[in-house]
PDB file of N, CA and C in Angstrom:
ATOM      1  N   UNK A   1    -163.931 -41.083 -20.595  1.00  0.00           N
ATOM      2  CA  UNK A   1    -164.081 -42.478 -20.980  1.00  0.00           C
ATOM      3  C   UNK A   1    -162.833 -43.274 -20.651  1.00  0.00           C
ATOM      4  N   UNK A   2    -161.678 -42.678 -20.939  1.00  0.00           N
ATOM      5  CA  UNK A   2    -160.413 -43.359 -20.668  1.00  0.00           C
ATOM      6  C   UNK A   2    -160.226 -43.620 -19.177  1.00  0.00           C
ATOM      7  N   UNK A   3    -160.663 -42.677 -18.352  1.00  0.00           N
ATOM      8  CA  UNK A   3    -160.544 -42.828 -16.911  1.00  0.00           C
ATOM      9  C   UNK A   3    -161.386 -43.995 -16.412  1.00  0.00           C
ATOM     10  N   UNK A   4    -162.565 -44.153 -16.945  1.00  0.00           N
ATOM     11  CA  UNK A   4    -163.444 -45.244 -16.545  1.00  0.00           C
ATOM     12  C   UNK A   4    -162.853 -46.585 -16.909  1.00  0.00           C
ATOM     13  N   UNK A   5    -162.251 -46.662 -18.098  1.00  0.00           N
ATOM     14  CA  UNK A   5    -161.634 -47.900 -18.533  1.00  0.00           C
ATOM     15  C   UNK A   5    -160.439 -48.230 -17.638  1.00  0.00           C
ATOM     16  N   UNK A   6    -159.666 -47.225 -17.283  1.00  0.00           N
ATOM     17  CA  UNK A   6    -158.522 -47.430 -16.413  1.00  0.00           C
ATOM     18  C   UNK A   6    -158.970 -47.932 -15.048  1.00  0.00           C
ATOM     19  N   UNK A   7    -160.026 -47.360 -14.497  1.00  0.00           N
ATOM     20  CA  UNK A   7    -160.543 -47.810 -13.215  1.00  0.00           C
ATOM     21  C   UNK A   7    -161.044 -49.248 -13.292  1.00  0.00           C
ATOM     22  N   UNK A   8    -161.718 -49.573 -14.382  1.00  0.00           N
ATOM     23  CA  UNK A   8    -162.191 -50.943 -14.569  1.00  0.00           C
ATOM     24  C   UNK A   8    -161.035 -51.942 -14.645  1.00  0.00           C
ATOM     25  N   UNK A   9    -159.979 -51.550 -15.367  1.00  0.00           N
ATOM     26  CA  UNK A   9    -158.810 -52.425 -15.485  1.00  0.00           C
ATOM     27  C   UNK A   9    -158.159 -52.631 -14.120  1.00  0.00           C
ATOM     28  N   UNK A  10    -158.068 -51.580 -13.341  1.00  0.00           N
ATOM     29  CA  UNK A  10    -157.490 -51.677 -12.004  1.00  0.00           C
ATOM     30  C   UNK A  10    -158.333 -52.593 -11.123  1.00  0.00           C
ATOM     31  N   UNK A  11    -159.625 -52.428 -11.212  1.00  0.00           N
ATOM     32  CA  UNK A  11    -160.542 -53.256 -10.416  1.00  0.00           C
ATOM     33  C   UNK A  11    -160.431 -54.722 -10.827  1.00  0.00           C
ATOM     34  N   UNK A  12    -160.354 -54.984 -12.111  1.00  0.00           N
ATOM     35  CA  UNK A  12    -160.234 -56.354 -12.604  1.00  0.00           C
ATOM     36  C   UNK A  12    -158.922 -56.976 -12.141  1.00  0.00           C
ATOM     37  N   UNK A  13    -157.835 -56.229 -12.180  1.00  0.00           N
ATOM     38  CA  UNK A  13    -156.547 -56.745 -11.712  1.00  0.00           C
ATOM     39  C   UNK A  13    -156.600 -57.058 -10.218  1.00  0.00           C
ATOM     40  N   UNK A  14    -157.219 -56.198  -9.436  1.00  0.00           N
ATOM     41  CA  UNK A  14    -157.342 -56.423  -8.001  1.00  0.00           C
ATOM     42  C   UNK A  14    -158.194 -57.662  -7.727  1.00  0.00           C
ATOM     43  N   UNK A  15    -159.276 -57.802  -8.472  1.00  0.00           N
ATOM     44  CA  UNK A  15    -160.135 -58.974  -8.292  1.00  0.00           C
ATOM     45  C   UNK A  15    -159.404 -60.262  -8.679  1.00  0.00           C
ATOM     46  N   UNK A  16    -158.597 -60.188  -9.726  1.00  0.00           N
ATOM     47  CA  UNK A  16    -157.827 -61.346 -10.179  1.00  0.00           C
ATOM     48  C   UNK A  16    -156.861 -61.777  -9.072  1.00  0.00           C
ATOM     49  N   UNK A  17    -156.216 -60.826  -8.443  1.00  0.00           N
ATOM     50  CA  UNK A  17    -155.306 -61.125  -7.342  1.00  0.00           C
ATOM     51  C   UNK A  17    -156.045 -61.740  -6.171  1.00  0.00           C
ATOM     52  N   UNK A  18    -157.194 -61.169  -5.836  1.00  0.00           N
ATOM     53  CA  UNK A  18    -157.977 -61.689  -4.712  1.00  0.00           C
ATOM     54  C   UNK A  18    -158.491 -63.100  -4.984  1.00  0.00           C
ATOM     55  N   UNK A  19    -158.899 -63.367  -6.200  1.00  0.00           N
ATOM     56  CA  UNK A  19    -159.373 -64.712  -6.567  1.00  0.00           C
ATOM     57  C   UNK A  19    -158.233 -65.705  -6.467  1.00  0.00           C
ATOM     58  N   UNK A  20    -157.044 -65.319  -6.897  1.00  0.00           N
ATOM     59  CA  UNK A  20    -155.876 -66.204  -6.776  1.00  0.00           C
ATOM     60  C   UNK A  20    -155.590 -66.535  -5.319  1.00  0.00           C
ATOM     61  N   UNK A  21    -155.662 -65.534  -4.432  1.00  0.00           N
ATOM     62  CA  UNK A  21    -155.444 -65.777  -3.000  1.00  0.00           C
ATOM     63  C   UNK A  21    -156.507 -66.712  -2.432  1.00  0.00           C
ATOM     64  N   UNK A  22    -157.756 -66.516  -2.853  1.00  0.00           N
ATOM     65  CA  UNK A  22    -158.827 -67.375  -2.348  1.00  0.00           C
ATOM     66  C   UNK A  22    -158.628 -68.828  -2.770  1.00  0.00           C
ATOM     67  N   UNK A  23    -158.213 -69.045  -4.022  1.00  0.00           N
ATOM     68  CA  UNK A  23    -157.972 -70.418  -4.463  1.00  0.00           C
ATOM     69  C   UNK A  23    -156.828 -71.050  -3.704  1.00  0.00           C
ATOM     70  N   UNK A  24    -155.792 -70.289  -3.369  1.00  0.00           N
ATOM     71  CA  UNK A  24    -154.697 -70.848  -2.605  1.00  0.00           C
ATOM     72  C   UNK A  24    -155.179 -71.201  -1.182  1.00  0.00           C
ATOM     73  N   UNK A  25    -156.059 -70.392  -0.630  1.00  0.00           N
ATOM     74  CA  UNK A  25    -156.610 -70.698   0.697  1.00  0.00           C
ATOM     75  C   UNK A  25    -157.482 -71.948   0.628  1.00  0.00           C
ATOM     76  N   UNK A  26    -158.215 -72.121  -0.451  1.00  0.00           N
ATOM     77  CA  UNK A  26    -159.047 -73.322  -0.619  1.00  0.00           C
ATOM     78  C   UNK A  26    -158.153 -74.553  -0.653  1.00  0.00           C
ATOM     79  N   UNK A  27    -157.048 -74.469  -1.387  1.00  0.00           N
ATOM     80  CA  UNK A  27    -156.131 -75.618  -1.441  1.00  0.00           C
ATOM     81  C   UNK A  27    -155.560 -75.925  -0.055  1.00  0.00           C
ATOM     82  N   UNK A  28    -155.204 -74.892   0.675  1.00  0.00           N
ATOM     83  CA  UNK A  28    -154.667 -75.090   2.021  1.00  0.00           C
ATOM     84  C   UNK A  28    -155.723 -75.708   2.953  1.00  0.00           C
ATOM     85  N   UNK A  29    -156.949 -75.227   2.831  1.00  0.00           N
ATOM     86  CA  UNK A  29    -158.059 -75.764   3.636  1.00  0.00           C
ATOM     87  C   UNK A  29    -158.297 -77.235   3.298  1.00  0.00           C
ATOM     88  N   UNK A  30    -158.218 -77.576   2.024  1.00  0.00           N
ATOM     89  CA  UNK A  30    -158.419 -78.987   1.623  1.00  0.00           C
ATOM     90  C   UNK A  30    -157.337 -79.876   2.200  1.00  0.00           C
ATOM     91  N   UNK A  31    -156.086 -79.383   2.230  1.00  0.00           N
ATOM     92  CA  UNK A  31    -154.998 -80.170   2.824  1.00  0.00           C
ATOM     93  C   UNK A  31    -155.250 -80.366   4.320  1.00  0.00           C
ATOM     94  N   UNK A  32    -155.688 -79.313   4.998  1.00  0.00           N
ATOM     95  CA  UNK A  32    -155.976 -79.434   6.439  1.00  0.00           C
ATOM     96  C   UNK A  32    -157.110 -80.423   6.691  1.00  0.00           C
ATOM     97  N   UNK A  33    -158.137 -80.372   5.883  1.00  0.00           N
ATOM     98  CA  UNK A  33    -159.264 -81.307   6.034  1.00  0.00           C
ATOM     99  C   UNK A  33    -158.792 -82.741   5.813  1.00  0.00           C
ATOM    100  N   UNK A  34    -157.905 -82.946   4.853  1.00  0.00           N
ATOM    101  CA  UNK A  34    -157.388 -84.291   4.610  1.00  0.00           C
ATOM    102  C   UNK A  34    -156.600 -84.788   5.814  1.00  0.00           C
ATOM    103  N   UNK A  35    -155.808 -83.903   6.443  1.00  0.00           N
ATOM    104  CA  UNK A  35    -155.067 -84.290   7.643  1.00  0.00           C
ATOM    105  C   UNK A  35    -156.001 -84.642   8.789  1.00  0.00           C
ATOM    106  N   UNK A  36    -157.052 -83.849   8.950  1.00  0.00           N
ATOM    107  CA  UNK A  36    -158.040 -84.116   9.997  1.00  0.00           C
ATOM    108  C   UNK A  36    -158.711 -85.455   9.750  1.00  0.00           C
ATOM    109  N   UNK A  37    -159.051 -85.725   8.496  1.00  0.00           N
ATOM    110  CA  UNK A  37    -159.685 -86.983   8.136  1.00  0.00           C
ATOM    111  C   UNK A  37    -158.777 -88.165   8.467  1.00  0.00           C
ATOM    112  N   UNK A  38    -157.489 -88.031   8.172  1.00  0.00           N
ATOM    113  CA  UNK A  38    -156.532 -89.089   8.481  1.00  0.00           C
ATOM    114  C   UNK A  38    -156.455 -89.339   9.988  1.00  0.00           C
ATOM    115  N   UNK A  39    -156.440 -88.259  10.754  1.00  0.00           N
ATOM    116  CA  UNK A  39    -156.395 -88.388  12.228  1.00  0.00           C
ATOM    117  C   UNK A  39    -157.656 -89.084  12.744  1.00  0.00           C
ATOM    118  N   UNK A  40    -158.802 -88.725  12.202  1.00  0.00           N
ATOM    119  CA  UNK A  40    -160.047 -89.341  12.637  1.00  0.00           C
ATOM    120  C   UNK A  40    -160.087 -90.828  12.294  1.00  0.00           C
ATOM    121  N   UNK A  41    -159.544 -91.181  11.140  1.00  0.00           N
ATOM    122  CA  UNK A  41    -159.489 -92.612  10.763  1.00  0.00           C
ATOM    123  C   UNK A  41    -158.579 -93.387  11.723  1.00  0.00           C
ATOM    124  N   UNK A  42    -157.453 -92.769  12.108  1.00  0.00           N
ATOM    125  CA  UNK A  42    -156.561 -93.424  13.067  1.00  0.00           C
ATOM    126  C   UNK A  42    -157.263 -93.627  14.401  1.00  0.00           C
ATOM    127  N   UNK A  43    -157.998 -92.636  14.843  1.00  0.00           N
ATOM    128  CA  UNK A  43    -158.749 -92.754  16.100  1.00  0.00           C
ATOM    129  C   UNK A  43    -159.796 -93.853  15.994  1.00  0.00           C
ATOM    130  N   UNK A  44    -160.506 -93.874  14.872  1.00  0.00           N
ATOM    131  CA  UNK A  44    -161.542 -94.891  14.693  1.00  0.00           C
ATOM    132  C   UNK A  44    -160.969 -96.284  14.759  1.00  0.00           C
ATOM    133  N   UNK A  45    -159.864 -96.542  14.048  1.00  0.00           N
ATOM    134  CA  UNK A  45    -159.296 -97.881  14.039  1.00  0.00           C
ATOM    135  C   UNK A  45    -158.656 -98.230  15.390  1.00  0.00           C
ATOM    136  N   UNK A  46    -158.168 -97.232  16.103  1.00  0.00           N
ATOM    137  CA  UNK A  46    -157.647 -97.488  17.458  1.00  0.00           C
ATOM    138  C   UNK A  46    -158.781 -97.937  18.379  1.00  0.00           C
ATOM    139  N   UNK A  47    -159.918 -97.283  18.272  1.00  0.00           N
ATOM    140  CA  UNK A  47    -161.079 -97.673  19.095  1.00  0.00           C
ATOM    141  C   UNK A  47    -161.537 -99.073  18.723  1.00  0.00           C
ATOM    142  N   UNK A  48    -161.587 -99.361  17.421  1.00  0.00           N
ATOM    143  CA  UNK A  48    -161.971-100.724  16.990  1.00  0.00           C
ATOM    144  C   UNK A  48    -160.999-101.760  17.565  1.00  0.00           C
ATOM    145  N   UNK A  49    -159.719-101.447  17.508  1.00  0.00           N
ATOM    146  CA  UNK A  49    -158.732-102.356  18.055  1.00  0.00           C
ATOM    147  C   UNK A  49    -158.880-102.572  19.549  1.00  0.00           C
ATOM    148  N   UNK A  50    -159.138-101.474  20.254  1.00  0.00           N
ATOM    149  CA  UNK A  50    -159.331-101.583  21.718  1.00  0.00           C
ATOM    150  C   UNK A  50    -160.569-102.399  22.036  1.00  0.00           C
ATOM    151  N   UNK A  51    -161.654-102.164  21.295  1.00  0.00           N
ATOM    152  CA  UNK A  51    -162.872-102.937  21.518  1.00  0.00           C
ATOM    153  C   UNK A  51    -162.660-104.410  21.184  1.00  0.00           C
ATOM    154  N   UNK A  52    -161.955-104.670  20.103  1.00  0.00           N
ATOM    155  CA  UNK A  52    -161.653-106.053  19.738  1.00  0.00           C
ATOM    156  C   UNK A  52    -160.817-106.744  20.781  1.00  0.00           C
ATOM    157  N   UNK A  53    -159.818-106.055  21.297  1.00  0.00           N
ATOM    158  CA  UNK A  53    -158.982-106.629  22.343  1.00  0.00           C
ATOM    159  C   UNK A  53    -159.805-106.903  23.597  1.00  0.00           C
ATOM    160  N   UNK A  54    -160.683-105.965  23.937  1.00  0.00           N
ATOM    161  CA  UNK A  54    -161.534-106.156  25.119  1.00  0.00           C
ATOM    162  C   UNK A  54    -162.424-107.387  24.953  1.00  0.00           C
ATOM    163  N   UNK A  55    -163.040-107.504  23.807  1.00  0.00           N
ATOM    164  CA  UNK A  55    -163.923-108.658  23.552  1.00  0.00           C
ATOM    165  C   UNK A  55    -163.143-109.945  23.603  1.00  0.00           C
ATOM    166  N   UNK A  56    -161.968-109.963  22.981  1.00  0.00           N
ATOM    167  CA  UNK A  56    -161.159-111.186  22.958  1.00  0.00           C
ATOM    168  C   UNK A  56    -160.710-111.577  24.362  1.00  0.00           C
ATOM    169  N   UNK A  57    -160.328-110.589  25.157  1.00  0.00           N
ATOM    170  CA  UNK A  57    -159.883-110.924  26.514  1.00  0.00           C
ATOM    171  C   UNK A  57    -161.059-111.394  27.371  1.00  0.00           C
ATOM    172  N   UNK A  58    -162.235-110.885  27.121  1.00  0.00           N
ATOM    173  CA  UNK A  58    -163.386-111.310  27.905  1.00  0.00           C
ATOM    174  C   UNK A  58    -163.838-112.706  27.499  1.00  0.00           C
ATOM    175  N   UNK A  59    -163.716-113.031  26.244  1.00  0.00           N
ATOM    176  CA  UNK A  59    -164.118-114.352  25.764  1.00  0.00           C
ATOM    177  C   UNK A  59    -163.089-115.387  26.199  1.00  0.00           C
ATOM    178  N   UNK A  60    -161.848-114.987  26.310  1.00  0.00           N
ATOM    179  CA  UNK A  60    -160.829-115.899  26.774  1.00  0.00           C
ATOM    180  C   UNK A  60    -159.981-116.495  25.663  1.00  0.00           C
ATOM    181  N   UNK A  61    -160.043-115.948  24.499  1.00  0.00           N
ATOM    182  CA  UNK A  61    -159.262-116.493  23.373  1.00  0.00           C
ATOM    183  C   UNK A  61    -157.762-116.344  23.641  1.00  0.00           C
ATOM    184  N   UNK A  62    -157.381-115.276  24.287  1.00  0.00           N
ATOM    185  CA  UNK A  62    -155.971-115.075  24.546  1.00  0.00           C
ATOM    186  C   UNK A  62    -155.461-116.141  25.525  1.00  0.00           C
ATOM    187  N   UNK A  63    -156.258-116.494  26.530  1.00  0.00           N
ATOM    188  CA  UNK A  63    -155.862-117.571  27.445  1.00  0.00           C
ATOM    189  C   UNK A  63    -155.737-118.896  26.702  1.00  0.00           C
ATOM    190  N   UNK A  64    -156.637-119.129  25.789  1.00  0.00           N
ATOM    191  CA  UNK A  64    -156.575-120.375  25.018  1.00  0.00           C
ATOM    192  C   UNK A  64    -155.343-120.398  24.141  1.00  0.00           C
ATOM    193  N   UNK A  65    -154.966-119.263  23.575  1.00  0.00           N
ATOM    194  CA  UNK A  65    -153.760-119.206  22.749  1.00  0.00           C
ATOM    195  C   UNK A  65    -152.498-119.358  23.605  1.00  0.00           C
ATOM    196  N   UNK A  66    -152.533-118.897  24.833  1.00  0.00           N
ATOM    197  CA  UNK A  66    -151.382-119.033  25.722  1.00  0.00           C
ATOM    198  C   UNK A  66    -151.129-120.508  26.073  1.00  0.00           C
ATOM    199  N   UNK A  67    -152.203-121.293  26.183  1.00  0.00           N
ATOM    200  CA  UNK A  67    -152.063-122.697  26.513  1.00  0.00           C
ATOM    201  C   UNK A  67    -151.393-123.440  25.352  1.00  0.00           C
ATOM    202  N   UNK A  68    -151.733-123.072  24.158  1.00  0.00           N
ATOM    203  CA  UNK A  68    -151.178-123.733  22.951  1.00  0.00           C
ATOM    204  C   UNK A  68    -149.772-123.301  22.819  1.00  0.00           C
TER     205      UNK A  68
END
């Protein structure tokens, strides 16, 4: 009986360590996802800016502002 309890305690300790490692990996993964999200937002706003600049140059607003 004592041997079984000892094995169970060892198994529980090992599982506790593994769960701790998994939670740290989850935190690391969440940080990486946040960085990816930030990069994607920068790309999105850069594209919006480029499209806005293209539209403005085609309409001629920049030429009108240069005259003023």
